Amino acid sequence: MTKTLTIIQIAVSFLLIITILLQQKGSGLGSAFGSDGGNVYSTRRGMEKVLFYATIFLAAVFIILSVVRIRL
């Protein structure tokens, strides 16, 4: 049982990493050092919204799997 949970948790962690990396937040190296570059507020639409909710879902699944593995 723990081996199966470990494999599932590894798969979820890879998917979580991919969804985080696919999200577009600021462009260029300047955003890493605090430069806004004149960004304005915009709502999430389409694929960006799907990636946002997928990231939240995968993070919740990862935390739940971690707690279950600790309890076993």
PDB file of N, CA and C in Angstrom:
ATOM      1  N   MET A   1       0.823  -1.197   0.000  1.00  0.00           N
ATOM      2  CA  MET A   1       0.000   0.000   0.000  1.00  0.00           C
ATOM      3  C   MET A   1       0.867   1.260   0.000  1.00  0.00           C
ATOM      4  N   THR A   2       1.911   1.276   0.832  1.00  0.00           N
ATOM      5  CA  THR A   2       2.753   2.472   0.888  1.00  0.00           C
ATOM      6  C   THR A   2       3.541   2.664  -0.405  1.00  0.00           C
ATOM      7  N   LYS A   3       3.903   1.556  -1.068  1.00  0.00           N
ATOM      8  CA  LYS A   3       4.624   1.673  -2.336  1.00  0.00           C
ATOM      9  C   LYS A   3       3.741   2.306  -3.405  1.00  0.00           C
ATOM     10  N   THR A   4       2.472   1.920  -3.430  1.00  0.00           N
ATOM     11  CA  THR A   4       1.529   2.502  -4.380  1.00  0.00           C
ATOM     12  C   THR A   4       1.323   3.986  -4.100  1.00  0.00           C
ATOM     13  N   LEU A   5       1.175   4.348  -2.826  1.00  0.00           N
ATOM     14  CA  LEU A   5       1.014   5.752  -2.471  1.00  0.00           C
ATOM     15  C   LEU A   5       2.251   6.561  -2.824  1.00  0.00           C
ATOM     16  N   THR A   6       3.421   5.971  -2.671  1.00  0.00           N
ATOM     17  CA  THR A   6       4.657   6.658  -3.021  1.00  0.00           C
ATOM     18  C   THR A   6       4.716   6.948  -4.514  1.00  0.00           C
ATOM     19  N   ILE A   7       4.360   5.953  -5.322  1.00  0.00           N
ATOM     20  CA  ILE A   7       4.374   6.129  -6.779  1.00  0.00           C
ATOM     21  C   ILE A   7       3.360   7.188  -7.201  1.00  0.00           C
ATOM     22  N   ILE A   8       2.175   7.162  -6.605  1.00  0.00           N
ATOM     23  CA  ILE A   8       1.148   8.162  -6.925  1.00  0.00           C
ATOM     24  C   ILE A   8       1.621   9.548  -6.504  1.00  0.00           C
ATOM     25  N   GLN A   9       2.252   9.664  -5.343  1.00  0.00           N
ATOM     26  CA  GLN A   9       2.726  10.957  -4.869  1.00  0.00           C
ATOM     27  C   GLN A   9       3.830  11.501  -5.779  1.00  0.00           C
ATOM     28  N   ILE A  10       4.701  10.654  -6.269  1.00  0.00           N
ATOM     29  CA  ILE A  10       5.747  11.092  -7.193  1.00  0.00           C
ATOM     30  C   ILE A  10       5.129  11.594  -8.490  1.00  0.00           C
ATOM     31  N   ALA A  11       4.132  10.870  -9.000  1.00  0.00           N
ATOM     32  CA  ALA A  11       3.461  11.293 -10.231  1.00  0.00           C
ATOM     33  C   ALA A  11       2.754  12.638 -10.037  1.00  0.00           C
ATOM     34  N   VAL A  12       2.083  12.797  -8.907  1.00  0.00           N
ATOM     35  CA  VAL A  12       1.399  14.060  -8.621  1.00  0.00           C
ATOM     36  C   VAL A  12       2.413  15.193  -8.480  1.00  0.00           C
ATOM     37  N   SER A  13       3.552  14.920  -7.876  1.00  0.00           N
ATOM     38  CA  SER A  13       4.561  15.971  -7.720  1.00  0.00           C
ATOM     39  C   SER A  13       5.111  16.418  -9.071  1.00  0.00           C
ATOM     40  N   PHE A  14       5.331  15.487 -10.001  1.00  0.00           N
ATOM     41  CA  PHE A  14       5.779  15.863 -11.347  1.00  0.00           C
ATOM     42  C   PHE A  14       4.725  16.702 -12.061  1.00  0.00           C
ATOM     43  N   LEU A  15       3.462  16.314 -11.954  1.00  0.00           N
ATOM     44  CA  LEU A  15       2.393  17.088 -12.575  1.00  0.00           C
ATOM     45  C   LEU A  15       2.284  18.472 -11.955  1.00  0.00           C
ATOM     46  N   LEU A  16       2.477  18.558 -10.648  1.00  0.00           N
ATOM     47  CA  LEU A  16       2.431  19.848  -9.961  1.00  0.00           C
ATOM     48  C   LEU A  16       3.567  20.753 -10.432  1.00  0.00           C
ATOM     49  N   ILE A  17       4.748  20.194 -10.579  1.00  0.00           N
ATOM     50  CA  ILE A  17       5.885  20.972 -11.075  1.00  0.00           C
ATOM     51  C   ILE A  17       5.612  21.486 -12.487  1.00  0.00           C
ATOM     52  N   ILE A  18       5.057  20.634 -13.335  1.00  0.00           N
ATOM     53  CA  ILE A  18       4.759  21.035 -14.711  1.00  0.00           C
ATOM     54  C   ILE A  18       3.730  22.152 -14.752  1.00  0.00           C
ATOM     55  N   THR A  19       2.658  22.026 -13.959  1.00  0.00           N
ATOM     56  CA  THR A  19       1.630  23.071 -13.980  1.00  0.00           C
ATOM     57  C   THR A  19       2.161  24.392 -13.432  1.00  0.00           C
ATOM     58  N   ILE A  20       3.053  24.335 -12.454  1.00  0.00           N
ATOM     59  CA  ILE A  20       3.635  25.567 -11.922  1.00  0.00           C
ATOM     60  C   ILE A  20       4.535  26.221 -12.974  1.00  0.00           C
ATOM     61  N   LEU A  21       5.328  25.429 -13.658  1.00  0.00           N
ATOM     62  CA  LEU A  21       6.238  25.987 -14.651  1.00  0.00           C
ATOM     63  C   LEU A  21       5.509  26.518 -15.886  1.00  0.00           C
ATOM     64  N   LEU A  22       4.350  25.980 -16.196  1.00  0.00           N
ATOM     65  CA  LEU A  22       3.603  26.431 -17.367  1.00  0.00           C
ATOM     66  C   LEU A  22       2.866  27.751 -17.138  1.00  0.00           C
ATOM     67  N   GLN A  23       2.694  28.124 -15.888  1.00  0.00           N
ATOM     68  CA  GLN A  23       2.000  29.379 -15.618  1.00  0.00           C
ATOM     69  C   GLN A  23       2.895  30.546 -15.992  1.00  0.00           C
ATOM     70  N   GLN A  24       2.307  31.512 -16.649  1.00  0.00           N
ATOM     71  CA  GLN A  24       3.069  32.672 -17.102  1.00  0.00           C
ATOM     72  C   GLN A  24       2.894  33.813 -16.114  1.00  0.00           C
ATOM     73  N   LYS A  25       3.934  34.137 -15.404  1.00  0.00           N
ATOM     74  CA  LYS A  25       3.924  35.238 -14.439  1.00  0.00           C
ATOM     75  C   LYS A  25       5.087  36.156 -14.742  1.00  0.00           C
ATOM     76  N   GLY A  26       4.888  37.277 -15.296  1.00  0.00           N
ATOM     77  CA  GLY A  26       5.996  38.199 -15.546  1.00  0.00           C
ATOM     78  C   GLY A  26       6.955  37.642 -16.580  1.00  0.00           C
ATOM     79  N   SER A  27       7.497  38.492 -17.378  1.00  0.00           N
ATOM     80  CA  SER A  27       8.389  38.019 -18.426  1.00  0.00           C
ATOM     81  C   SER A  27       9.777  38.589 -18.211  1.00  0.00           C
ATOM     82  N   GLY A  28      10.745  37.777 -18.436  1.00  0.00           N
ATOM     83  CA  GLY A  28      12.118  38.230 -18.353  1.00  0.00           C
ATOM     84  C   GLY A  28      12.704  38.102 -16.963  1.00  0.00           C
ATOM     85  N   LEU A  29      13.987  38.384 -16.882  1.00  0.00           N
ATOM     86  CA  LEU A  29      14.712  38.261 -15.630  1.00  0.00           C
ATOM     87  C   LEU A  29      14.426  39.429 -14.697  1.00  0.00           C
ATOM     88  N   GLY A  30      13.964  40.546 -15.238  1.00  0.00           N
ATOM     89  CA  GLY A  30      13.683  41.724 -14.422  1.00  0.00           C
ATOM     90  C   GLY A  30      12.595  41.481 -13.396  1.00  0.00           C
ATOM     91  N   SER A  31      11.629  40.620 -13.718  1.00  0.00           N
ATOM     92  CA  SER A  31      10.549  40.343 -12.772  1.00  0.00           C
ATOM     93  C   SER A  31      11.048  39.560 -11.562  1.00  0.00           C
ATOM     94  N   ALA A  32      12.152  38.849 -11.703  1.00  0.00           N
ATOM     95  CA  ALA A  32      12.705  38.093 -10.583  1.00  0.00           C
ATOM     96  C   ALA A  32      13.282  39.020  -9.524  1.00  0.00           C
ATOM     97  N   PHE A  33      13.664  40.239  -9.927  1.00  0.00           N
ATOM     98  CA  PHE A  33      14.278  41.184  -8.995  1.00  0.00           C
ATOM     99  C   PHE A  33      13.339  42.302  -8.586  1.00  0.00           C
ATOM    100  N   GLY A  34      12.047  42.128  -8.837  1.00  0.00           N
ATOM    101  CA  GLY A  34      11.074  43.074  -8.330  1.00  0.00           C
ATOM    102  C   GLY A  34      10.594  44.113  -9.325  1.00  0.00           C
ATOM    103  N   SER A  35      11.080  44.086 -10.533  1.00  0.00           N
ATOM    104  CA  SER A  35      10.634  45.061 -11.527  1.00  0.00           C
ATOM    105  C   SER A  35       9.290  44.639 -12.092  1.00  0.00           C
ATOM    106  N   ASP A  36       8.289  45.488 -11.927  1.00  0.00           N
ATOM    107  CA  ASP A  36       6.952  45.160 -12.421  1.00  0.00           C
ATOM    108  C   ASP A  36       6.856  45.286 -13.928  1.00  0.00           C
ATOM    109  N   GLY A  37       7.493  46.255 -14.488  1.00  0.00           N
ATOM    110  CA  GLY A  37       7.419  46.441 -15.920  1.00  0.00           C
ATOM    111  C   GLY A  37       6.081  46.999 -16.369  1.00  0.00           C
ATOM    112  N   GLY A  38       5.325  47.630 -15.472  1.00  0.00           N
ATOM    113  CA  GLY A  38       4.058  48.230 -15.847  1.00  0.00           C
ATOM    114  C   GLY A  38       2.933  47.239 -16.022  1.00  0.00           C
ATOM    115  N   ASN A  39       2.954  46.161 -15.277  1.00  0.00           N
ATOM    116  CA  ASN A  39       1.879  45.171 -15.388  1.00  0.00           C
ATOM    117  C   ASN A  39       0.572  45.745 -14.874  1.00  0.00           C
ATOM    118  N   VAL A  40      -0.505  45.370 -15.508  1.00  0.00           N
ATOM    119  CA  VAL A  40      -1.830  45.777 -15.068  1.00  0.00           C
ATOM    120  C   VAL A  40      -2.597  44.545 -14.638  1.00  0.00           C
ATOM    121  N   TYR A  41      -3.643  44.747 -13.848  1.00  0.00           N
ATOM    122  CA  TYR A  41      -4.455  43.641 -13.368  1.00  0.00           C
ATOM    123  C   TYR A  41      -5.261  43.067 -14.523  1.00  0.00           C
ATOM    124  N   SER A  42      -5.268  41.753 -14.634  1.00  0.00           N
ATOM    125  CA  SER A  42      -6.097  41.094 -15.646  1.00  0.00           C
ATOM    126  C   SER A  42      -6.666  39.810 -15.049  1.00  0.00           C
ATOM    127  N   THR A  43      -7.812  39.417 -15.544  1.00  0.00           N
ATOM    128  CA  THR A  43      -8.437  38.192 -15.054  1.00  0.00           C
ATOM    129  C   THR A  43      -7.882  36.999 -15.808  1.00  0.00           C
ATOM    130  N   ARG A  44      -7.955  35.855 -15.166  1.00  0.00           N
ATOM    131  CA  ARG A  44      -7.501  34.623 -15.808  1.00  0.00           C
ATOM    132  C   ARG A  44      -8.589  34.128 -16.745  1.00  0.00           C
ATOM    133  N   ARG A  45      -8.185  33.728 -17.930  1.00  0.00           N
ATOM    134  CA  ARG A  45      -9.137  33.217 -18.907  1.00  0.00           C
ATOM    135  C   ARG A  45      -8.544  32.008 -19.603  1.00  0.00           C
ATOM    136  N   GLY A  46      -9.397  31.130 -20.044  1.00  0.00           N
ATOM    137  CA  GLY A  46      -8.983  30.002 -20.856  1.00  0.00           C
ATOM    138  C   GLY A  46      -8.021  29.065 -20.159  1.00  0.00           C
ATOM    139  N   MET A  47      -6.927  28.783 -20.865  1.00  0.00           N
ATOM    140  CA  MET A  47      -5.954  27.803 -20.377  1.00  0.00           C
ATOM    141  C   MET A  47      -5.265  28.274 -19.094  1.00  0.00           C
ATOM    142  N   GLU A  48      -5.080  29.568 -18.949  1.00  0.00           N
ATOM    143  CA  GLU A  48      -4.462  30.097 -17.738  1.00  0.00           C
ATOM    144  C   GLU A  48      -5.316  29.786 -16.505  1.00  0.00           C
ATOM    145  N   LYS A  49      -6.624  29.870 -16.650  1.00  0.00           N
ATOM    146  CA  LYS A  49      -7.537  29.563 -15.554  1.00  0.00           C
ATOM    147  C   LYS A  49      -7.515  28.069 -15.235  1.00  0.00           C
ATOM    148  N   VAL A  50      -7.464  27.243 -16.275  1.00  0.00           N
ATOM    149  CA  VAL A  50      -7.402  25.791 -16.080  1.00  0.00           C
ATOM    150  C   VAL A  50      -6.116  25.410 -15.353  1.00  0.00           C
ATOM    151  N   LEU A  51      -4.987  25.992 -15.762  1.00  0.00           N
ATOM    152  CA  LEU A  51      -3.714  25.701 -15.093  1.00  0.00           C
ATOM    153  C   LEU A  51      -3.725  26.168 -13.639  1.00  0.00           C
ATOM    154  N   PHE A  52      -4.350  27.302 -13.375  1.00  0.00           N
ATOM    155  CA  PHE A  52      -4.434  27.825 -12.008  1.00  0.00           C
ATOM    156  C   PHE A  52      -5.199  26.868 -11.112  1.00  0.00           C
ATOM    157  N   TYR A  53      -6.372  26.420 -11.565  1.00  0.00           N
ATOM    158  CA  TYR A  53      -7.170  25.497 -10.761  1.00  0.00           C
ATOM    159  C   TYR A  53      -6.529  24.108 -10.680  1.00  0.00           C
ATOM    160  N   ALA A  54      -5.860  23.683 -11.739  1.00  0.00           N
ATOM    161  CA  ALA A  54      -5.161  22.393 -11.712  1.00  0.00           C
ATOM    162  C   ALA A  54      -4.022  22.419 -10.700  1.00  0.00           C
ATOM    163  N   THR A  55      -3.339  23.556 -10.600  1.00  0.00           N
ATOM    164  CA  THR A  55      -2.255  23.702  -9.625  1.00  0.00           C
ATOM    165  C   THR A  55      -2.785  23.597  -8.203  1.00  0.00           C
ATOM    166  N   ILE A  56      -3.901  24.273  -7.944  1.00  0.00           N
ATOM    167  CA  ILE A  56      -4.505  24.203  -6.609  1.00  0.00           C
ATOM    168  C   ILE A  56      -4.951  22.780  -6.297  1.00  0.00           C
ATOM    169  N   PHE A  57      -5.590  22.120  -7.259  1.00  0.00           N
ATOM    170  CA  PHE A  57      -6.070  20.753  -7.058  1.00  0.00           C
ATOM    171  C   PHE A  57      -4.912  19.795  -6.803  1.00  0.00           C
ATOM    172  N   LEU A  58      -3.862  19.886  -7.623  1.00  0.00           N
ATOM    173  CA  LEU A  58      -2.720  18.980  -7.455  1.00  0.00           C
ATOM    174  C   LEU A  58      -1.986  19.232  -6.142  1.00  0.00           C
ATOM    175  N   ALA A  59      -1.904  20.484  -5.713  1.00  0.00           N
ATOM    176  CA  ALA A  59      -1.271  20.786  -4.426  1.00  0.00           C
ATOM    177  C   ALA A  59      -2.078  20.178  -3.278  1.00  0.00           C
ATOM    178  N   ALA A  60      -3.404  20.270  -3.364  1.00  0.00           N
ATOM    179  CA  ALA A  60      -4.254  19.682  -2.322  1.00  0.00           C
ATOM    180  C   ALA A  60      -4.115  18.163  -2.303  1.00  0.00           C
ATOM    181  N   VAL A  61      -4.084  17.535  -3.479  1.00  0.00           N
ATOM    182  CA  VAL A  61      -3.912  16.078  -3.557  1.00  0.00           C
ATOM    183  C   VAL A  61      -2.560  15.675  -2.983  1.00  0.00           C
ATOM    184  N   PHE A  62      -1.525  16.447  -3.293  1.00  0.00           N
ATOM    185  CA  PHE A  62      -0.188  16.152  -2.787  1.00  0.00           C
ATOM    186  C   PHE A  62      -0.152  16.220  -1.258  1.00  0.00           C
ATOM    187  N   ILE A  63      -0.780  17.234  -0.688  1.00  0.00           N
ATOM    188  CA  ILE A  63      -0.814  17.370   0.776  1.00  0.00           C
ATOM    189  C   ILE A  63      -1.601  16.235   1.408  1.00  0.00           C
ATOM    190  N   ILE A  64      -2.730  15.881   0.815  1.00  0.00           N
ATOM    191  CA  ILE A  64      -3.542  14.777   1.343  1.00  0.00           C
ATOM    192  C   ILE A  64      -2.766  13.466   1.289  1.00  0.00           C
ATOM    193  N   LEU A  65      -2.082  13.215   0.168  1.00  0.00           N
ATOM    194  CA  LEU A  65      -1.274  11.997   0.057  1.00  0.00           C
ATOM    195  C   LEU A  65      -0.159  11.977   1.095  1.00  0.00           C
ATOM    196  N   SER A  66       0.442  13.129   1.340  1.00  0.00           N
ATOM    197  CA  SER A  66       1.506  13.196   2.347  1.00  0.00           C
ATOM    198  C   SER A  66       0.990  12.861   3.739  1.00  0.00           C
ATOM    199  N   VAL A  67      -0.162  13.412   4.075  1.00  0.00           N
ATOM    200  CA  VAL A  67      -0.750  13.129   5.391  1.00  0.00           C
ATOM    201  C   VAL A  67      -1.120  11.650   5.518  1.00  0.00           C
ATOM    202  N   VAL A  68      -1.686  11.090   4.457  1.00  0.00           N
ATOM    203  CA  VAL A  68      -2.057   9.665   4.482  1.00  0.00           C
ATOM    204  C   VAL A  68      -0.822   8.786   4.640  1.00  0.00           C
ATOM    205  N   ARG A  69       0.253   9.145   3.928  1.00  0.00           N
ATOM    206  CA  ARG A  69       1.489   8.350   4.051  1.00  0.00           C
ATOM    207  C   ARG A  69       2.087   8.448   5.440  1.00  0.00           C
ATOM    208  N   ILE A  70       1.982   9.603   6.086  1.00  0.00           N
ATOM    209  CA  ILE A  70       2.498   9.755   7.456  1.00  0.00           C
ATOM    210  C   ILE A  70       1.690   8.909   8.425  1.00  0.00           C
ATOM    211  N   ARG A  71       0.372   8.866   8.214  1.00  0.00           N
ATOM    212  CA  ARG A  71      -0.510   8.108   9.109  1.00  0.00           C
ATOM    213  C   ARG A  71      -0.312   6.595   9.004  1.00  0.00           C
ATOM    214  N   LEU A  72       0.171   6.124   7.848  1.00  0.00           N
ATOM    215  CA  LEU A  72       0.335   4.667   7.687  1.00  0.00           C
ATOM    216  C   LEU A  72       1.580   4.184   8.337  1.00  0.00           C
TER     217      LEU A  72
END
